[in-house]
């Protein structure tokens, strides 16, 4: 019985000390492939970070229509980022 408790306690300490890596990404799933630019109020780009290892693009829509995630792998997003970087510098 004492051996069982000792083994149980050792296993408990080992597994309780392990942390699970929880991602705190803003986007769940791949996101939209495109959005009409006339409806866009602003676009925010979040680089990968310790809290989320994905590139995230958040689109805020006009007239209080909310926020949507844009798929960073879509042609629309790639073209938008390329044009924004070109205009920036």
C-alpha atoms as a PDB file:
ATOM      1  CA  UNK A   1       0.000   0.000   0.000  1.00  0.00           C
ATOM      2  CA  UNK A   2       2.830   2.392   0.858  1.00  0.00           C
ATOM      3  CA  UNK A   3       4.536   1.608  -2.456  1.00  0.00           C
ATOM      4  CA  UNK A   4       1.316   2.313  -4.331  1.00  0.00           C
ATOM      5  CA  UNK A   5       0.904   5.703  -2.648  1.00  0.00           C
ATOM      6  CA  UNK A   6       4.532   6.597  -3.320  1.00  0.00           C
ATOM      7  CA  UNK A   7       4.228   5.723  -7.016  1.00  0.00           C
ATOM      8  CA  UNK A   8       0.863   7.484  -7.249  1.00  0.00           C
ATOM      9  CA  UNK A   9       2.248  10.651  -5.644  1.00  0.00           C
ATOM     10  CA  UNK A  10       5.307  10.656  -7.921  1.00  0.00           C
ATOM     11  CA  UNK A  11       3.127  10.294 -11.015  1.00  0.00           C
ATOM     12  CA  UNK A  12       0.756  12.964  -9.786  1.00  0.00           C
ATOM     13  CA  UNK A  13       3.611  15.420  -9.226  1.00  0.00           C
ATOM     14  CA  UNK A  14       5.125  14.668 -12.646  1.00  0.00           C
ATOM     15  CA  UNK A  15       1.903  15.099 -14.585  1.00  0.00           C
ATOM     16  CA  UNK A  16       0.514  17.993 -12.555  1.00  0.00           C
ATOM     17  CA  UNK A  17       3.683  19.973 -13.190  1.00  0.00           C
ATOM     18  CA  UNK A  18       3.374  19.716 -16.950  1.00  0.00           C
ATOM     19  CA  UNK A  19       1.710  22.672 -18.569  1.00  0.00           C
ATOM     20  CA  UNK A  20      -0.378  22.363 -21.652  1.00  0.00           C
ATOM     21  CA  UNK A  21       0.324  24.871 -24.378  1.00  0.00           C
ATOM     22  CA  UNK A  22      -2.898  26.850 -24.774  1.00  0.00           C
ATOM     23  CA  UNK A  23      -3.085  29.147 -27.770  1.00  0.00           C
ATOM     24  CA  UNK A  24      -4.955  32.377 -27.234  1.00  0.00           C
ATOM     25  CA  UNK A  25      -5.567  33.238 -30.855  1.00  0.00           C
ATOM     26  CA  UNK A  26      -8.168  35.828 -31.818  1.00  0.00           C
ATOM     27  CA  UNK A  27      -9.299  33.841 -34.864  1.00  0.00           C
ATOM     28  CA  UNK A  28     -10.822  30.388 -34.656  1.00  0.00           C
ATOM     29  CA  UNK A  29     -10.588  28.524 -37.936  1.00  0.00           C
ATOM     30  CA  UNK A  30      -9.147  29.729 -41.241  1.00  0.00           C
ATOM     31  CA  UNK A  31     -11.242  32.894 -41.658  1.00  0.00           C
ATOM     32  CA  UNK A  32     -12.803  34.541 -44.709  1.00  0.00           C
ATOM     33  CA  UNK A  33     -11.034  34.415 -48.064  1.00  0.00           C
ATOM     34  CA  UNK A  34     -12.079  37.923 -49.091  1.00  0.00           C
ATOM     35  CA  UNK A  35     -14.103  40.913 -47.990  1.00  0.00           C
ATOM     36  CA  UNK A  36     -15.455  43.904 -49.927  1.00  0.00           C
ATOM     37  CA  UNK A  37     -13.102  46.831 -49.359  1.00  0.00           C
ATOM     38  CA  UNK A  38     -16.096  49.225 -49.352  1.00  0.00           C
ATOM     39  CA  UNK A  39     -17.272  47.556 -46.125  1.00  0.00           C
ATOM     40  CA  UNK A  40     -13.878  47.731 -44.352  1.00  0.00           C
ATOM     41  CA  UNK A  41     -13.274  50.327 -41.653  1.00  0.00           C
ATOM     42  CA  UNK A  42      -9.814  49.047 -40.675  1.00  0.00           C
ATOM     43  CA  UNK A  43      -7.570  46.016 -40.996  1.00  0.00           C
ATOM     44  CA  UNK A  44      -5.234  44.878 -38.214  1.00  0.00           C
ATOM     45  CA  UNK A  45      -2.407  42.406 -38.740  1.00  0.00           C
ATOM     46  CA  UNK A  46      -1.102  40.463 -35.737  1.00  0.00           C
ATOM     47  CA  UNK A  47       2.223  38.684 -36.161  1.00  0.00           C
ATOM     48  CA  UNK A  48       2.844  35.300 -34.544  1.00  0.00           C
ATOM     49  CA  UNK A  49       3.621  35.637 -30.836  1.00  0.00           C
ATOM     50  CA  UNK A  50       4.082  33.437 -27.755  1.00  0.00           C
ATOM     51  CA  UNK A  51       0.313  33.525 -27.162  1.00  0.00           C
ATOM     52  CA  UNK A  52      -0.588  32.571 -30.760  1.00  0.00           C
ATOM     53  CA  UNK A  53       1.769  31.054 -33.311  1.00  0.00           C
ATOM     54  CA  UNK A  54      -0.336  32.090 -36.335  1.00  0.00           C
ATOM     55  CA  UNK A  55      -0.447  35.257 -38.434  1.00  0.00           C
ATOM     56  CA  UNK A  56      -3.883  36.784 -37.829  1.00  0.00           C
ATOM     57  CA  UNK A  57      -5.679  39.430 -39.861  1.00  0.00           C
ATOM     58  CA  UNK A  58      -8.714  41.059 -38.223  1.00  0.00           C
ATOM     59  CA  UNK A  59     -11.061  43.146 -40.385  1.00  0.00           C
ATOM     60  CA  UNK A  60     -13.323  45.679 -38.654  1.00  0.00           C
ATOM     61  CA  UNK A  61     -16.403  46.336 -40.777  1.00  0.00           C
ATOM     62  CA  UNK A  62     -18.196  49.672 -41.155  1.00  0.00           C
ATOM     63  CA  UNK A  63     -21.556  50.544 -39.578  1.00  0.00           C
ATOM     64  CA  UNK A  64     -20.959  48.379 -36.510  1.00  0.00           C
ATOM     65  CA  UNK A  65     -21.119  45.165 -38.526  1.00  0.00           C
ATOM     66  CA  UNK A  66     -18.472  43.597 -36.288  1.00  0.00           C
ATOM     67  CA  UNK A  67     -15.070  42.052 -36.796  1.00  0.00           C
ATOM     68  CA  UNK A  68     -14.134  39.179 -39.081  1.00  0.00           C
ATOM     69  CA  UNK A  69     -10.994  37.108 -39.451  1.00  0.00           C
ATOM     70  CA  UNK A  70      -9.342  37.071 -42.839  1.00  0.00           C
ATOM     71  CA  UNK A  71      -7.513  33.978 -44.063  1.00  0.00           C
ATOM     72  CA  UNK A  72      -3.832  35.049 -44.318  1.00  0.00           C
ATOM     73  CA  UNK A  73      -3.250  32.358 -46.975  1.00  0.00           C
ATOM     74  CA  UNK A  74      -5.921  33.756 -49.324  1.00  0.00           C
ATOM     75  CA  UNK A  75      -4.905  35.642 -52.466  1.00  0.00           C
ATOM     76  CA  UNK A  76      -6.935  38.638 -51.294  1.00  0.00           C
ATOM     77  CA  UNK A  77      -5.004  38.903 -48.015  1.00  0.00           C
ATOM     78  CA  UNK A  78      -1.622  38.372 -49.678  1.00  0.00           C
ATOM     79  CA  UNK A  79      -2.344  41.096 -52.261  1.00  0.00           C
ATOM     80  CA  UNK A  80      -3.589  43.484 -49.573  1.00  0.00           C
ATOM     81  CA  UNK A  81      -0.466  42.985 -47.433  1.00  0.00           C
ATOM     82  CA  UNK A  82       1.818  43.363 -50.468  1.00  0.00           C
ATOM     83  CA  UNK A  83       0.137  46.662 -51.471  1.00  0.00           C
ATOM     84  CA  UNK A  84       0.184  47.970 -47.888  1.00  0.00           C
ATOM     85  CA  UNK A  85       3.906  47.255 -47.558  1.00  0.00           C
ATOM     86  CA  UNK A  86       4.596  48.865 -50.942  1.00  0.00           C
ATOM     87  CA  UNK A  87       2.693  52.041 -49.954  1.00  0.00           C
ATOM     88  CA  UNK A  88       4.407  52.135 -46.573  1.00  0.00           C
ATOM     89  CA  UNK A  89       7.940  52.350 -47.770  1.00  0.00           C
END
